[in-house]
């Protein structure tokens, strides 16, 4: 793999299992739109209840100590969501820069990848990143071991 210039890490489904919790909460409210749902969602509570995935928080803290070039590149649906994600990370002593991606915008439209890595649990995001000249790595916490283009944790960023 090429020398990593900068790595970008998705939040929901990579750092915390928050994406799964959002889907569960929305299923309990089938009669409201996604927009209404996101507006009323208590992000502080949701993030507090979410579980860390495969030591992601510890690895992020270590990346900061090692001064590795990395950022969190996360899709948001409301400003409240972005605010709460940043506050959550800071409360866990993680000073990683956070780039917020608004609805209906691709991650590679916010940042031109140019050989940089994106670790994301959504195949569509990986596909767009690769097409724009980046190196997309699919995150899947259920696999047995990491490969070059599919990982179960963020440990490859420590190398």
C-alpha atoms as a PDB file:
ATOM      1  CA  UNK A   1       0.000   0.000   0.000  1.00  0.00           C
ATOM      2  CA  UNK A   2       1.232   3.521  -0.751  1.00  0.00           C
ATOM      3  CA  UNK A   3       2.534   5.720   2.035  1.00  0.00           C
ATOM      4  CA  UNK A   4      -0.466   7.247   3.780  1.00  0.00           C
ATOM      5  CA  UNK A   5      -0.590  11.013   3.467  1.00  0.00           C
ATOM      6  CA  UNK A   6      -3.785  11.431   5.446  1.00  0.00           C
ATOM      7  CA  UNK A   7      -6.406   9.006   6.701  1.00  0.00           C
ATOM      8  CA  UNK A   8     -10.096   9.741   7.141  1.00  0.00           C
ATOM      9  CA  UNK A   9     -12.324   7.745   9.446  1.00  0.00           C
ATOM     10  CA  UNK A  10     -16.089   7.485   9.385  1.00  0.00           C
ATOM     11  CA  UNK A  11     -17.850   7.903  12.750  1.00  0.00           C
ATOM     12  CA  UNK A  12     -21.116   5.928  12.705  1.00  0.00           C
ATOM     13  CA  UNK A  13     -20.509   2.211  12.297  1.00  0.00           C
ATOM     14  CA  UNK A  14     -16.718   2.535  12.586  1.00  0.00           C
ATOM     15  CA  UNK A  15     -16.031   4.354  15.866  1.00  0.00           C
ATOM     16  CA  UNK A  16     -19.379   3.756  17.583  1.00  0.00           C
ATOM     17  CA  UNK A  17     -22.354   1.515  16.818  1.00  0.00           C
ATOM     18  CA  UNK A  18     -24.504   4.666  16.672  1.00  0.00           C
ATOM     19  CA  UNK A  19     -25.759   3.960  13.141  1.00  0.00           C
ATOM     20  CA  UNK A  20     -27.407   0.735  14.312  1.00  0.00           C
ATOM     21  CA  UNK A  21     -29.058   2.616  17.187  1.00  0.00           C
ATOM     22  CA  UNK A  22     -30.393   5.322  14.842  1.00  0.00           C
ATOM     23  CA  UNK A  23     -32.024   2.657  12.652  1.00  0.00           C
ATOM     24  CA  UNK A  24     -33.572   0.967  15.711  1.00  0.00           C
ATOM     25  CA  UNK A  25     -34.986   4.260  17.013  1.00  0.00           C
ATOM     26  CA  UNK A  26     -36.401   5.200  13.602  1.00  0.00           C
ATOM     27  CA  UNK A  27     -38.110   1.787  13.286  1.00  0.00           C
ATOM     28  CA  UNK A  28     -39.966   2.607  16.506  1.00  0.00           C
ATOM     29  CA  UNK A  29     -41.293   5.812  14.831  1.00  0.00           C
ATOM     30  CA  UNK A  30     -42.410   4.709  11.368  1.00  0.00           C
ATOM     31  CA  UNK A  31     -44.994   7.489  10.966  1.00  0.00           C
ATOM     32  CA  UNK A  32     -42.556  10.412  10.925  1.00  0.00           C
ATOM     33  CA  UNK A  33     -40.165  11.419   8.150  1.00  0.00           C
ATOM     34  CA  UNK A  34     -36.426  10.970   8.459  1.00  0.00           C
ATOM     35  CA  UNK A  35     -36.029  14.761   8.599  1.00  0.00           C
ATOM     36  CA  UNK A  36     -38.468  15.036  11.525  1.00  0.00           C
ATOM     37  CA  UNK A  37     -36.835  12.064  13.205  1.00  0.00           C
ATOM     38  CA  UNK A  38     -33.347  13.589  13.014  1.00  0.00           C
ATOM     39  CA  UNK A  39     -34.601  16.949  14.281  1.00  0.00           C
ATOM     40  CA  UNK A  40     -36.064  15.424  17.434  1.00  0.00           C
ATOM     41  CA  UNK A  41     -33.372  12.797  18.063  1.00  0.00           C
ATOM     42  CA  UNK A  42     -31.482  13.261  21.322  1.00  0.00           C
ATOM     43  CA  UNK A  43     -27.922  12.870  20.056  1.00  0.00           C
ATOM     44  CA  UNK A  44     -26.350  13.230  23.504  1.00  0.00           C
ATOM     45  CA  UNK A  45     -28.349  10.260  24.765  1.00  0.00           C
ATOM     46  CA  UNK A  46     -27.813   8.207  21.615  1.00  0.00           C
ATOM     47  CA  UNK A  47     -24.035   8.672  21.666  1.00  0.00           C
ATOM     48  CA  UNK A  48     -23.870   7.965  25.418  1.00  0.00           C
ATOM     49  CA  UNK A  49     -25.706   4.652  24.844  1.00  0.00           C
ATOM     50  CA  UNK A  50     -23.614   3.689  21.809  1.00  0.00           C
ATOM     51  CA  UNK A  51     -20.798   1.191  22.163  1.00  0.00           C
ATOM     52  CA  UNK A  52     -17.230   1.587  20.983  1.00  0.00           C
ATOM     53  CA  UNK A  53     -16.362  -0.700  18.077  1.00  0.00           C
ATOM     54  CA  UNK A  54     -13.151  -2.752  18.349  1.00  0.00           C
ATOM     55  CA  UNK A  55     -11.109  -0.262  20.430  1.00  0.00           C
ATOM     56  CA  UNK A  56     -11.660   2.614  17.973  1.00  0.00           C
ATOM     57  CA  UNK A  57     -11.546   5.292  20.690  1.00  0.00           C
ATOM     58  CA  UNK A  58      -8.275   3.964  22.105  1.00  0.00           C
ATOM     59  CA  UNK A  59      -6.752   3.825  18.635  1.00  0.00           C
ATOM     60  CA  UNK A  60      -7.864   7.409  17.911  1.00  0.00           C
ATOM     61  CA  UNK A  61      -6.197   8.605  21.127  1.00  0.00           C
ATOM     62  CA  UNK A  62      -3.013   6.774  20.149  1.00  0.00           C
ATOM     63  CA  UNK A  63      -3.077   8.310  16.643  1.00  0.00           C
ATOM     64  CA  UNK A  64      -3.154  11.747  18.307  1.00  0.00           C
ATOM     65  CA  UNK A  65      -0.193  10.884  20.527  1.00  0.00           C
ATOM     66  CA  UNK A  66       1.745   9.584  17.510  1.00  0.00           C
ATOM     67  CA  UNK A  67       0.817  12.757  15.584  1.00  0.00           C
ATOM     68  CA  UNK A  68      -0.459  10.687  12.657  1.00  0.00           C
ATOM     69  CA  UNK A  69      -2.332  12.720  10.040  1.00  0.00           C
ATOM     70  CA  UNK A  70      -5.947  11.708  10.409  1.00  0.00           C
ATOM     71  CA  UNK A  71      -9.430  13.206  10.594  1.00  0.00           C
ATOM     72  CA  UNK A  72     -12.936  12.030  11.205  1.00  0.00           C
ATOM     73  CA  UNK A  73     -15.107  12.525   8.125  1.00  0.00           C
ATOM     74  CA  UNK A  74     -18.700  12.057   9.212  1.00  0.00           C
ATOM     75  CA  UNK A  75     -22.059  12.525   7.553  1.00  0.00           C
ATOM     76  CA  UNK A  76     -24.495  14.597   9.618  1.00  0.00           C
ATOM     77  CA  UNK A  77     -28.188  15.269   9.247  1.00  0.00           C
ATOM     78  CA  UNK A  78     -28.420  18.222  11.651  1.00  0.00           C
ATOM     79  CA  UNK A  79     -25.998  20.677  13.225  1.00  0.00           C
ATOM     80  CA  UNK A  80     -26.980  19.241  16.600  1.00  0.00           C
ATOM     81  CA  UNK A  81     -25.687  15.853  15.476  1.00  0.00           C
ATOM     82  CA  UNK A  82     -22.339  17.359  14.458  1.00  0.00           C
ATOM     83  CA  UNK A  83     -22.049  19.363  17.670  1.00  0.00           C
ATOM     84  CA  UNK A  84     -22.787  16.283  19.795  1.00  0.00           C
ATOM     85  CA  UNK A  85     -20.337  14.056  17.918  1.00  0.00           C
ATOM     86  CA  UNK A  86     -17.539  16.581  18.447  1.00  0.00           C
ATOM     87  CA  UNK A  87     -18.447  17.000  22.136  1.00  0.00           C
ATOM     88  CA  UNK A  88     -18.545  13.234  22.572  1.00  0.00           C
ATOM     89  CA  UNK A  89     -15.059  12.822  21.122  1.00  0.00           C
ATOM     90  CA  UNK A  90     -13.638  15.678  23.204  1.00  0.00           C
ATOM     91  CA  UNK A  91     -15.193  14.144  26.352  1.00  0.00           C
ATOM     92  CA  UNK A  92     -13.224  10.974  25.541  1.00  0.00           C
ATOM     93  CA  UNK A  93      -9.992  12.998  25.246  1.00  0.00           C
ATOM     94  CA  UNK A  94      -9.845  12.670  21.468  1.00  0.00           C
ATOM     95  CA  UNK A  95      -8.620  15.824  19.728  1.00  0.00           C
ATOM     96  CA  UNK A  96      -8.836  14.438  16.191  1.00  0.00           C
ATOM     97  CA  UNK A  97     -10.106  17.025  13.680  1.00  0.00           C
ATOM     98  CA  UNK A  98     -13.728  16.407  12.683  1.00  0.00           C
ATOM     99  CA  UNK A  99     -15.047  17.253   9.220  1.00  0.00           C
ATOM    100  CA  UNK A 100     -18.834  17.370   8.998  1.00  0.00           C
ATOM    101  CA  UNK A 101     -20.461  16.278   5.741  1.00  0.00           C
ATOM    102  CA  UNK A 102     -23.959  17.703   5.158  1.00  0.00           C
ATOM    103  CA  UNK A 103     -26.834  15.638   3.757  1.00  0.00           C
ATOM    104  CA  UNK A 104     -26.800  14.825   0.030  1.00  0.00           C
ATOM    105  CA  UNK A 105     -23.077  15.587  -0.295  1.00  0.00           C
ATOM    106  CA  UNK A 106     -20.505  12.862  -0.946  1.00  0.00           C
ATOM    107  CA  UNK A 107     -17.465  12.661   1.289  1.00  0.00           C
ATOM    108  CA  UNK A 108     -15.155  12.998  -1.724  1.00  0.00           C
ATOM    109  CA  UNK A 109     -16.932  16.288  -2.562  1.00  0.00           C
ATOM    110  CA  UNK A 110     -15.901  17.702   0.820  1.00  0.00           C
ATOM    111  CA  UNK A 111     -12.308  16.533   0.556  1.00  0.00           C
ATOM    112  CA  UNK A 112     -10.489  15.553  -2.635  1.00  0.00           C
ATOM    113  CA  UNK A 113      -8.839  12.226  -1.682  1.00  0.00           C
ATOM    114  CA  UNK A 114      -5.742  12.268  -3.958  1.00  0.00           C
ATOM    115  CA  UNK A 115      -4.346   8.962  -2.638  1.00  0.00           C
ATOM    116  CA  UNK A 116      -5.579   9.431   0.924  1.00  0.00           C
ATOM    117  CA  UNK A 117      -7.392   6.681   2.828  1.00  0.00           C
ATOM    118  CA  UNK A 118     -11.027   6.537   3.886  1.00  0.00           C
ATOM    119  CA  UNK A 119     -12.145   3.853   6.325  1.00  0.00           C
ATOM    120  CA  UNK A 120     -15.929   3.608   6.118  1.00  0.00           C
ATOM    121  CA  UNK A 121     -18.571   0.950   6.677  1.00  0.00           C
ATOM    122  CA  UNK A 122     -20.629   1.960   3.629  1.00  0.00           C
ATOM    123  CA  UNK A 123     -19.647   0.411   0.292  1.00  0.00           C
ATOM    124  CA  UNK A 124     -21.125   3.341  -1.665  1.00  0.00           C
ATOM    125  CA  UNK A 125     -18.818   5.799   0.165  1.00  0.00           C
ATOM    126  CA  UNK A 126     -15.815   3.555  -0.530  1.00  0.00           C
ATOM    127  CA  UNK A 127     -16.749   3.337  -4.220  1.00  0.00           C
ATOM    128  CA  UNK A 128     -17.045   7.139  -4.573  1.00  0.00           C
ATOM    129  CA  UNK A 129     -13.759   7.664  -2.688  1.00  0.00           C
ATOM    130  CA  UNK A 130     -11.911   5.187  -4.950  1.00  0.00           C
ATOM    131  CA  UNK A 131     -13.394   6.751  -8.102  1.00  0.00           C
ATOM    132  CA  UNK A 132     -12.103  10.153  -6.946  1.00  0.00           C
ATOM    133  CA  UNK A 133      -8.534   8.846  -6.582  1.00  0.00           C
ATOM    134  CA  UNK A 134      -8.514   7.785  -2.937  1.00  0.00           C
ATOM    135  CA  UNK A 135      -7.915   4.467  -1.236  1.00  0.00           C
ATOM    136  CA  UNK A 136     -11.173   3.230   0.242  1.00  0.00           C
ATOM    137  CA  UNK A 137     -11.062   0.570   2.923  1.00  0.00           C
ATOM    138  CA  UNK A 138     -14.301  -1.075   3.930  1.00  0.00           C
ATOM    139  CA  UNK A 139     -14.853  -1.397   7.681  1.00  0.00           C
ATOM    140  CA  UNK A 140     -16.574  -4.620   8.771  1.00  0.00           C
ATOM    141  CA  UNK A 141     -16.340  -5.397  12.465  1.00  0.00           C
ATOM    142  CA  UNK A 142     -17.496  -8.983  11.889  1.00  0.00           C
ATOM    143  CA  UNK A 143     -14.564 -10.198   9.751  1.00  0.00           C
ATOM    144  CA  UNK A 144     -11.902 -12.438  11.286  1.00  0.00           C
ATOM    145  CA  UNK A 145      -8.792 -10.488  10.273  1.00  0.00           C
ATOM    146  CA  UNK A 146      -7.820  -7.328   8.430  1.00  0.00           C
ATOM    147  CA  UNK A 147      -6.921  -7.427   4.751  1.00  0.00           C
ATOM    148  CA  UNK A 148      -5.565  -4.704   2.473  1.00  0.00           C
ATOM    149  CA  UNK A 149      -9.010  -3.337   1.559  1.00  0.00           C
ATOM    150  CA  UNK A 150     -11.255  -4.619   4.362  1.00  0.00           C
ATOM    151  CA  UNK A 151     -10.674  -4.118   8.091  1.00  0.00           C
ATOM    152  CA  UNK A 152     -12.369  -4.940  11.387  1.00  0.00           C
ATOM    153  CA  UNK A 153     -10.555  -2.234  13.360  1.00  0.00           C
ATOM    154  CA  UNK A 154      -8.420   0.884  12.922  1.00  0.00           C
ATOM    155  CA  UNK A 155      -5.107  -0.690  13.971  1.00  0.00           C
ATOM    156  CA  UNK A 156      -3.615  -0.434  10.448  1.00  0.00           C
ATOM    157  CA  UNK A 157      -3.440   3.348  10.985  1.00  0.00           C
ATOM    158  CA  UNK A 158      -0.952   2.889  13.825  1.00  0.00           C
ATOM    159  CA  UNK A 159       1.710   1.469  11.465  1.00  0.00           C
END
